[in-house]
N, C-alpha and C. Protein backbone atom coordinates (compact mmCIF):
# COMPACT_ATOMS: atom_id res chain seq x y z
N MET A 1 -78.78 96.26 -158.58
CA MET A 1 -77.56 96.18 -157.79
C MET A 1 -77.89 95.88 -156.33
N LEU A 2 -78.94 96.50 -155.83
CA LEU A 2 -79.34 96.31 -154.44
C LEU A 2 -79.76 94.87 -154.19
N PHE A 3 -80.45 94.27 -155.17
CA PHE A 3 -80.90 92.87 -155.05
C PHE A 3 -79.68 91.93 -154.97
N GLY A 4 -78.65 92.20 -155.77
CA GLY A 4 -77.44 91.38 -155.74
C GLY A 4 -76.73 91.45 -154.41
N ALA A 5 -76.71 92.63 -153.80
CA ALA A 5 -76.06 92.79 -152.50
C ALA A 5 -76.84 92.06 -151.42
N LYS A 6 -78.17 92.11 -151.51
CA LYS A 6 -78.99 91.40 -150.52
C LYS A 6 -78.83 89.89 -150.68
N LEU A 7 -78.74 89.42 -151.93
CA LEU A 7 -78.55 88.00 -152.21
C LEU A 7 -77.20 87.54 -151.68
N TYR A 8 -76.15 88.33 -151.94
CA TYR A 8 -74.84 88.01 -151.43
C TYR A 8 -74.81 87.98 -149.90
N ASN A 9 -75.49 88.92 -149.29
CA ASN A 9 -75.57 88.96 -147.83
C ASN A 9 -76.29 87.74 -147.29
N ALA A 10 -77.35 87.31 -147.96
CA ALA A 10 -78.07 86.13 -147.51
C ALA A 10 -77.22 84.87 -147.62
N PHE A 11 -76.50 84.73 -148.74
CA PHE A 11 -75.62 83.56 -148.89
C PHE A 11 -74.49 83.56 -147.89
N TYR A 12 -73.92 84.74 -147.64
CA TYR A 12 -72.85 84.85 -146.66
C TYR A 12 -73.37 84.51 -145.24
N SER A 13 -74.56 84.96 -144.92
CA SER A 13 -75.14 84.69 -143.62
C SER A 13 -75.39 83.19 -143.44
N ILE A 14 -75.93 82.54 -144.48
CA ILE A 14 -76.15 81.11 -144.41
C ILE A 14 -74.84 80.35 -144.28
N LYS A 15 -73.84 80.75 -145.05
CA LYS A 15 -72.52 80.13 -144.97
C LYS A 15 -71.91 80.30 -143.58
N GLN A 16 -72.09 81.44 -142.99
CA GLN A 16 -71.57 81.71 -141.65
C GLN A 16 -72.28 80.83 -140.61
N GLN A 17 -73.59 80.70 -140.73
CA GLN A 17 -74.33 79.84 -139.79
C GLN A 17 -73.92 78.40 -139.90
N ILE A 18 -73.76 77.91 -141.11
CA ILE A 18 -73.35 76.52 -141.33
C ILE A 18 -71.94 76.31 -140.77
N SER A 19 -71.04 77.24 -140.99
CA SER A 19 -69.69 77.08 -140.45
C SER A 19 -69.69 77.14 -138.92
N ASP A 20 -70.54 77.98 -138.33
CA ASP A 20 -70.66 78.03 -136.88
C ASP A 20 -71.18 76.69 -136.33
N TYR A 21 -72.20 76.12 -136.98
CA TYR A 21 -72.73 74.84 -136.57
C TYR A 21 -71.71 73.75 -136.69
N LEU A 22 -70.94 73.75 -137.79
CA LEU A 22 -69.88 72.74 -137.97
C LEU A 22 -68.79 72.87 -136.93
N LEU A 23 -68.37 74.08 -136.65
CA LEU A 23 -67.34 74.27 -135.62
C LEU A 23 -67.86 73.83 -134.24
N ASP A 24 -69.11 74.14 -133.96
CA ASP A 24 -69.69 73.71 -132.70
C ASP A 24 -69.81 72.19 -132.61
N LEU A 25 -70.19 71.58 -133.72
CA LEU A 25 -70.34 70.13 -133.76
C LEU A 25 -69.00 69.44 -133.66
N PHE A 26 -67.98 69.94 -134.33
CA PHE A 26 -66.66 69.31 -134.30
C PHE A 26 -65.88 69.63 -133.03
N SER A 27 -66.46 70.38 -132.13
CA SER A 27 -65.79 70.63 -130.85
C SER A 27 -65.84 69.41 -129.95
N TYR A 28 -66.78 68.50 -130.23
CA TYR A 28 -66.88 67.25 -129.47
C TYR A 28 -65.92 66.21 -130.04
N LEU A 29 -65.21 65.54 -129.18
CA LEU A 29 -64.25 64.54 -129.60
C LEU A 29 -64.92 63.33 -130.20
N PHE A 30 -66.07 62.91 -129.64
CA PHE A 30 -66.74 61.73 -130.13
C PHE A 30 -67.24 61.89 -131.57
N VAL A 31 -67.58 63.14 -131.94
CA VAL A 31 -68.03 63.38 -133.31
C VAL A 31 -66.86 63.19 -134.28
N LYS A 32 -65.68 63.67 -133.88
CA LYS A 32 -64.49 63.48 -134.72
C LYS A 32 -64.18 62.01 -134.90
N ILE A 33 -64.28 61.24 -133.82
CA ILE A 33 -63.99 59.81 -133.88
C ILE A 33 -65.01 59.09 -134.77
N TYR A 34 -66.28 59.38 -134.58
CA TYR A 34 -67.31 58.79 -135.42
C TYR A 34 -67.04 59.12 -136.90
N LEU A 35 -66.74 60.37 -137.22
CA LEU A 35 -66.55 60.75 -138.60
C LEU A 35 -65.31 60.11 -139.21
N ILE A 36 -64.25 59.96 -138.44
CA ILE A 36 -63.06 59.29 -138.96
C ILE A 36 -63.37 57.84 -139.29
N ILE A 37 -64.08 57.16 -138.40
CA ILE A 37 -64.45 55.78 -138.66
C ILE A 37 -65.41 55.67 -139.84
N LEU A 38 -66.38 56.59 -139.93
CA LEU A 38 -67.30 56.59 -141.07
C LEU A 38 -66.57 56.81 -142.41
N ILE A 39 -65.61 57.70 -142.40
CA ILE A 39 -64.83 57.95 -143.63
C ILE A 39 -64.01 56.72 -144.01
N LEU A 40 -63.40 56.06 -143.01
CA LEU A 40 -62.63 54.86 -143.30
C LEU A 40 -63.52 53.72 -143.82
N ILE A 41 -64.67 53.54 -143.24
CA ILE A 41 -65.60 52.50 -143.70
C ILE A 41 -66.07 52.81 -145.11
N ASN A 42 -66.45 54.05 -145.36
CA ASN A 42 -66.93 54.41 -146.68
C ASN A 42 -65.83 54.30 -147.72
N LEU A 43 -64.63 54.68 -147.37
CA LEU A 43 -63.49 54.54 -148.29
C LEU A 43 -63.22 53.09 -148.60
N SER A 44 -63.29 52.24 -147.60
CA SER A 44 -63.07 50.80 -147.83
C SER A 44 -64.18 50.21 -148.68
N LEU A 45 -65.44 50.68 -148.51
CA LEU A 45 -66.52 50.23 -149.35
C LEU A 45 -66.26 50.59 -150.82
N TRP A 46 -65.81 51.83 -151.07
CA TRP A 46 -65.54 52.23 -152.44
C TRP A 46 -64.38 51.45 -153.03
N LEU A 47 -63.34 51.18 -152.24
CA LEU A 47 -62.19 50.43 -152.75
C LEU A 47 -62.57 48.97 -153.05
N ILE A 48 -63.33 48.35 -152.18
CA ILE A 48 -63.75 46.96 -152.41
C ILE A 48 -64.65 46.88 -153.63
N ALA A 49 -65.58 47.83 -153.78
CA ALA A 49 -66.47 47.84 -154.93
C ALA A 49 -65.66 48.04 -156.22
N GLY A 50 -64.68 48.90 -156.19
CA GLY A 50 -63.84 49.09 -157.37
C GLY A 50 -63.01 47.85 -157.69
N TYR A 51 -62.52 47.20 -156.68
CA TYR A 51 -61.77 45.96 -156.88
C TYR A 51 -62.64 44.89 -157.49
N ILE A 52 -63.84 44.73 -156.97
CA ILE A 52 -64.78 43.72 -157.51
C ILE A 52 -65.12 44.04 -158.95
N ASN A 53 -65.40 45.28 -159.25
CA ASN A 53 -65.78 45.69 -160.60
C ASN A 53 -64.63 45.51 -161.60
N ASN A 54 -63.42 45.82 -161.18
CA ASN A 54 -62.28 45.76 -162.10
C ASN A 54 -61.75 44.34 -162.30
N ASN A 55 -61.90 43.44 -161.36
CA ASN A 55 -61.28 42.14 -161.44
C ASN A 55 -62.24 41.00 -161.80
N LEU A 56 -63.41 41.30 -162.24
CA LEU A 56 -64.33 40.27 -162.68
C LEU A 56 -64.10 39.99 -164.16
N ASN A 57 -64.32 38.73 -164.54
CA ASN A 57 -64.15 38.32 -165.93
C ASN A 57 -65.42 38.47 -166.73
N SER A 58 -66.56 38.57 -166.08
CA SER A 58 -67.82 38.61 -166.81
C SER A 58 -68.57 39.92 -166.50
N ASP A 59 -69.57 40.16 -167.32
CA ASP A 59 -70.42 41.36 -167.10
C ASP A 59 -71.42 41.17 -165.96
N GLN A 60 -71.88 39.96 -165.77
CA GLN A 60 -72.87 39.65 -164.75
C GLN A 60 -72.21 39.16 -163.47
N ILE A 61 -72.69 39.69 -162.34
CA ILE A 61 -72.20 39.21 -161.04
C ILE A 61 -73.39 38.95 -160.13
N ALA A 62 -73.10 38.17 -159.10
CA ALA A 62 -74.12 37.94 -158.08
C ALA A 62 -74.08 39.10 -157.11
N LEU A 63 -75.17 39.83 -157.01
CA LEU A 63 -75.20 41.04 -156.18
C LEU A 63 -75.77 40.78 -154.79
N HIS A 64 -76.49 39.68 -154.61
CA HIS A 64 -77.08 39.40 -153.32
C HIS A 64 -77.16 37.91 -153.10
N TYR A 65 -76.89 37.49 -151.89
CA TYR A 65 -76.95 36.09 -151.53
C TYR A 65 -77.78 35.94 -150.28
N ASN A 66 -78.67 34.97 -150.30
CA ASN A 66 -79.52 34.68 -149.16
C ASN A 66 -79.23 33.25 -148.70
N VAL A 67 -79.15 33.02 -147.42
CA VAL A 67 -78.84 31.69 -146.92
C VAL A 67 -79.93 30.70 -147.28
N ASP A 68 -81.17 31.12 -147.26
CA ASP A 68 -82.28 30.21 -147.57
C ASP A 68 -82.38 29.90 -149.07
N PHE A 69 -82.20 30.89 -149.92
CA PHE A 69 -82.47 30.72 -151.34
C PHE A 69 -81.22 30.73 -152.21
N GLY A 70 -80.09 31.07 -151.67
CA GLY A 70 -78.86 31.16 -152.47
C GLY A 70 -78.78 32.52 -153.13
N ILE A 71 -78.22 32.53 -154.32
CA ILE A 71 -78.07 33.78 -155.08
C ILE A 71 -79.45 34.19 -155.59
N ASN A 72 -79.88 35.36 -155.20
CA ASN A 72 -81.21 35.81 -155.62
C ASN A 72 -81.23 37.16 -156.35
N LEU A 73 -80.04 37.70 -156.64
CA LEU A 73 -79.97 38.93 -157.42
C LEU A 73 -78.69 38.90 -158.26
N ILE A 74 -78.88 38.94 -159.56
CA ILE A 74 -77.77 38.97 -160.49
C ILE A 74 -77.92 40.21 -161.34
N GLY A 75 -76.81 40.89 -161.59
CA GLY A 75 -76.88 42.10 -162.37
C GLY A 75 -75.54 42.47 -162.98
N ARG A 76 -75.50 43.62 -163.60
CA ARG A 76 -74.25 44.10 -164.18
C ARG A 76 -73.24 44.41 -163.10
N SER A 77 -71.97 44.33 -163.44
CA SER A 77 -70.92 44.53 -162.44
C SER A 77 -70.88 45.98 -161.92
N GLY A 78 -71.38 46.93 -162.69
CA GLY A 78 -71.39 48.34 -162.27
C GLY A 78 -72.39 48.61 -161.14
N LYS A 79 -73.32 47.69 -160.95
CA LYS A 79 -74.33 47.88 -159.90
C LYS A 79 -73.75 47.63 -158.50
N ILE A 80 -72.51 47.16 -158.43
CA ILE A 80 -71.88 46.94 -157.13
C ILE A 80 -71.67 48.27 -156.40
N TYR A 81 -71.63 49.37 -157.15
CA TYR A 81 -71.42 50.70 -156.53
C TYR A 81 -72.64 51.20 -155.78
N ILE A 82 -73.74 50.50 -155.86
CA ILE A 82 -74.93 50.90 -155.10
C ILE A 82 -74.66 50.81 -153.60
N ILE A 83 -73.89 49.81 -153.19
CA ILE A 83 -73.64 49.61 -151.75
C ILE A 83 -72.88 50.80 -151.15
N PRO A 84 -71.76 51.26 -151.72
CA PRO A 84 -71.12 52.44 -151.13
C PRO A 84 -71.94 53.73 -151.26
N ILE A 85 -72.73 53.82 -152.32
CA ILE A 85 -73.60 55.00 -152.47
C ILE A 85 -74.63 55.07 -151.36
N ILE A 86 -75.20 53.91 -151.02
CA ILE A 86 -76.17 53.85 -149.93
C ILE A 86 -75.53 54.28 -148.61
N SER A 87 -74.33 53.80 -148.36
CA SER A 87 -73.63 54.19 -147.14
C SER A 87 -73.34 55.69 -147.11
N LEU A 88 -72.93 56.24 -148.22
CA LEU A 88 -72.64 57.67 -148.29
C LEU A 88 -73.90 58.50 -148.10
N ILE A 89 -74.99 58.09 -148.72
CA ILE A 89 -76.23 58.81 -148.58
C ILE A 89 -76.71 58.78 -147.13
N PHE A 90 -76.62 57.62 -146.49
CA PHE A 90 -77.08 57.49 -145.13
C PHE A 90 -76.24 58.35 -144.19
N ALA A 91 -74.92 58.38 -144.39
CA ALA A 91 -74.05 59.19 -143.54
C ALA A 91 -74.33 60.68 -143.75
N VAL A 92 -74.48 61.10 -144.99
CA VAL A 92 -74.73 62.52 -145.28
C VAL A 92 -76.12 62.92 -144.73
N LEU A 93 -77.08 62.07 -144.89
CA LEU A 93 -78.42 62.36 -144.37
C LEU A 93 -78.42 62.51 -142.86
N ASN A 94 -77.73 61.62 -142.16
CA ASN A 94 -77.67 61.73 -140.70
C ASN A 94 -76.89 62.97 -140.26
N LEU A 95 -75.83 63.31 -140.99
CA LEU A 95 -75.09 64.51 -140.64
C LEU A 95 -75.91 65.77 -140.91
N SER A 96 -76.68 65.78 -141.97
CA SER A 96 -77.51 66.96 -142.22
C SER A 96 -78.61 67.10 -141.18
N ILE A 97 -79.16 65.97 -140.72
CA ILE A 97 -80.15 66.05 -139.64
C ILE A 97 -79.49 66.57 -138.38
N LEU A 98 -78.27 66.12 -138.11
CA LEU A 98 -77.58 66.57 -136.93
C LEU A 98 -77.24 68.06 -137.02
N LEU A 99 -76.88 68.53 -138.19
CA LEU A 99 -76.60 69.95 -138.34
C LEU A 99 -77.85 70.81 -138.21
N SER A 100 -79.00 70.25 -138.50
CA SER A 100 -80.22 71.03 -138.41
C SER A 100 -80.68 71.23 -136.96
N LEU A 101 -80.15 70.43 -136.06
CA LEU A 101 -80.53 70.57 -134.65
C LEU A 101 -79.86 71.81 -134.05
N LYS A 102 -80.57 72.45 -133.20
CA LYS A 102 -80.04 73.65 -132.56
C LYS A 102 -79.14 73.25 -131.38
N ARG A 103 -78.45 74.22 -130.87
CA ARG A 103 -77.55 73.97 -129.75
C ARG A 103 -78.34 73.78 -128.47
N ASN A 104 -78.34 72.56 -127.99
CA ASN A 104 -78.94 72.27 -126.70
C ASN A 104 -78.36 70.96 -126.18
N LYS A 105 -78.78 70.57 -124.99
CA LYS A 105 -78.20 69.38 -124.37
C LYS A 105 -78.65 68.10 -125.06
N GLU A 106 -79.78 68.10 -125.69
CA GLU A 106 -80.24 66.90 -126.40
C GLU A 106 -79.49 66.67 -127.68
N ARG A 107 -78.74 67.66 -128.15
CA ARG A 107 -77.96 67.53 -129.37
C ARG A 107 -76.88 66.47 -129.21
N VAL A 108 -76.28 66.37 -128.04
CA VAL A 108 -75.24 65.39 -127.81
C VAL A 108 -75.81 63.98 -127.89
N PHE A 109 -76.95 63.77 -127.28
CA PHE A 109 -77.60 62.45 -127.34
C PHE A 109 -78.00 62.12 -128.78
N ALA A 110 -78.58 63.11 -129.49
CA ALA A 110 -78.98 62.89 -130.85
C ALA A 110 -77.75 62.64 -131.75
N ALA A 111 -76.64 63.29 -131.45
CA ALA A 111 -75.42 63.06 -132.21
C ALA A 111 -74.95 61.63 -132.05
N HIS A 112 -75.00 61.12 -130.83
CA HIS A 112 -74.62 59.73 -130.61
C HIS A 112 -75.54 58.78 -131.36
N ILE A 113 -76.83 59.02 -131.30
CA ILE A 113 -77.79 58.15 -132.00
C ILE A 113 -77.62 58.22 -133.51
N LEU A 114 -77.54 59.40 -134.06
CA LEU A 114 -77.42 59.54 -135.50
C LEU A 114 -76.10 59.01 -136.06
N LEU A 115 -75.01 59.34 -135.40
CA LEU A 115 -73.71 58.88 -135.88
C LEU A 115 -73.51 57.38 -135.64
N ALA A 116 -74.03 56.86 -134.55
CA ALA A 116 -73.92 55.42 -134.31
C ALA A 116 -74.77 54.63 -135.30
N SER A 117 -75.92 55.16 -135.68
CA SER A 117 -76.72 54.46 -136.69
C SER A 117 -76.04 54.52 -138.06
N ALA A 118 -75.41 55.62 -138.40
CA ALA A 118 -74.68 55.69 -139.66
C ALA A 118 -73.48 54.73 -139.63
N LEU A 119 -72.83 54.63 -138.48
CA LEU A 119 -71.74 53.69 -138.33
C LEU A 119 -72.20 52.25 -138.42
N ALA A 120 -73.33 51.93 -137.79
CA ALA A 120 -73.86 50.57 -137.84
C ALA A 120 -74.27 50.23 -139.27
N SER A 121 -74.89 51.13 -139.98
CA SER A 121 -75.26 50.85 -141.36
C SER A 121 -74.04 50.66 -142.25
N GLY A 122 -73.00 51.42 -142.00
CA GLY A 122 -71.76 51.25 -142.75
C GLY A 122 -71.12 49.90 -142.51
N ILE A 123 -71.15 49.44 -141.26
CA ILE A 123 -70.60 48.13 -140.94
C ILE A 123 -71.43 47.03 -141.58
N ILE A 124 -72.74 47.16 -141.55
CA ILE A 124 -73.61 46.17 -142.17
C ILE A 124 -73.35 46.13 -143.69
N LEU A 125 -73.20 47.29 -144.31
CA LEU A 125 -72.93 47.32 -145.74
C LEU A 125 -71.53 46.82 -146.07
N LEU A 126 -70.59 46.97 -145.15
CA LEU A 126 -69.27 46.40 -145.33
C LEU A 126 -69.34 44.87 -145.32
N VAL A 127 -70.14 44.32 -144.43
CA VAL A 127 -70.37 42.87 -144.40
C VAL A 127 -71.07 42.42 -145.69
N ALA A 128 -72.02 43.23 -146.16
CA ALA A 128 -72.74 42.87 -147.37
C ALA A 128 -71.81 42.84 -148.58
N ILE A 129 -70.93 43.81 -148.70
CA ILE A 129 -70.01 43.82 -149.86
C ILE A 129 -68.97 42.74 -149.71
N ALA A 130 -68.64 42.36 -148.48
CA ALA A 130 -67.69 41.25 -148.29
C ALA A 130 -68.32 39.95 -148.74
N THR A 131 -69.61 39.77 -148.47
CA THR A 131 -70.27 38.56 -148.94
C THR A 131 -70.39 38.55 -150.46
N VAL A 132 -70.63 39.69 -151.07
CA VAL A 132 -70.64 39.77 -152.55
C VAL A 132 -69.28 39.39 -153.09
N TYR A 133 -68.22 39.84 -152.46
CA TYR A 133 -66.86 39.47 -152.87
C TYR A 133 -66.65 37.97 -152.75
N LEU A 134 -67.05 37.41 -151.62
CA LEU A 134 -66.88 35.97 -151.40
C LEU A 134 -67.68 35.15 -152.42
N ILE A 135 -68.86 35.58 -152.74
CA ILE A 135 -69.71 34.83 -153.69
C ILE A 135 -69.10 34.82 -155.08
N ASN A 136 -68.57 35.98 -155.49
CA ASN A 136 -68.09 36.09 -156.87
C ASN A 136 -66.66 35.60 -157.07
N PHE A 137 -65.86 35.60 -156.06
CA PHE A 137 -64.45 35.22 -156.22
C PHE A 137 -64.09 33.89 -155.56
N ARG A 138 -65.06 33.14 -155.13
CA ARG A 138 -64.78 31.89 -154.45
C ARG A 138 -65.16 30.72 -155.25
């Protein structure tokens, strides 16, 4: 019984620390703006991937296009979901790195760097899925 109480106390303490870090992190306006834009980009990636997957007539689609070589990756239509998954993983990874930083003045600079890089990768992946859409539906 004592072990269960200690385990519950440890989980509650970790939960409290994470919630304190999140509240501290969301006190900055720029973090809220970055996260809203990241959520919108990731949501649009998932919607475009679902649209491409549902509206194709064949099982095989062109997944990558290169200007020099043309279409250089063909695969099943379900593999289109790799693009939004990569964006989600990158955003979650950067947010977890940001949450692991302690409260100090460098945290604001690191927040800008980490969230801007997640935003830039989301925009690049949005362009990538747009080109996949153009290749397959044009």
